[in-house]
Amino acid sequence: MTEEEVISELPDILASDVDSEIEFQIKAIDGHEGSIMKKGQYKGRIMGLFTSGGDAPGMNSAVRAIVRVGLYLGARVFCIHEGYQGMVDGNKYIREATWETVSDIIQKGGTIIGSARCKDFRERAGRLKAAANLIRRGISALVCIGGDGSLTGANTFRKEWSGYVKELLDKKLVSKEEAEKCKSIQIVGIVGSIDNDFCGTDMTIGTDTALHRITEAVDSVRSTAHSHQRCFVIEVMGRNCGYLALAASLALDADFCFIPEWPPPVHWSTLLCKKLKQMREDGNRVNIVIVAEGAIDQNGS
């Protein structure tokens, strides 16, 4: 894609002046805080983007942002459809993205470029095929949007990359020029998980929507609990992270909350019953108890 073609992909406000000084400032990337991102500074670079694992609300917003900022910076961006499976299969699954490709998607759930389980990528032979498909297109940078398994796979791919390049070159499956251009690969991982359990990430993709759905569900059953003077115990997802349970408890004014990070004492049931009994004596008709998926007491029960 030429510079003129890249510029034609930009919205009017950016494309109106080729020499405009519109810049983005990187807020918090380790070692690059405050760095300036200038239009066209990555001209000639080619990057790939894929979503993997379970889908999460917000993935499409991330896809849109990555594609459009990539185009603004002068890079060519390829969307790899159906996750790692598309990377292994290549051909129609690896398609170049344009500005219009990612229009009208941020309000949609799931991921428009698809996600699929891939047994082939678990084996070195499958990863070698994936590497060949990337090298032939000149892709030397990847953005992976996914959970723990997806990011672990991406890290393994990165560690083995130089070996793939050498093997493909020795077998003459790629040219010397292609191998030299892609002798190393840069990978960025964006966490797609409702659990919000990844260190160094303010909020993982999907967490905000998950919290919204929890509050909606509890609000819906609260009226029934009030009508029949019931105590509802509600378990929420999150695995071993109590963020969703704690945030929902604060938002919903729950009476009790159990989270993995703060195990209650072994006599928690006595404390809970005492609390609920006192509230009923004070005239409360409804009680909400929220339990995180991985919550345990101090005995590990």
Foldseek 3Di string as FASTA:
>chain_A
DDLVVLLVLAPCVLSVDPPDFDWDFDCDDVPRHRPIQGFQQPAPAEAEEEEEDFFAQQQLVVVLVVCNVCSRNRYWYWYQAAALVSLLVADPRTGTDTNVNSPPPNVDGGYPRHHDDDPLLVDPVSLLSSLLNCLVVLHQEYEYEEADVSVVSVVVSQVCVQVSLVVCVVVVSDDPVSSVSNNHHHYHYAYADLQQPDPPDPGGGRVVVLLVVVLVVCVVCQVVQLVQLHEDEEEGERAQHCPSQVVSCVVNVAQEEFHNVAAAAPVVVVVVVVSVVVVVVVPDSYHYYYYYPHGHHPVRD
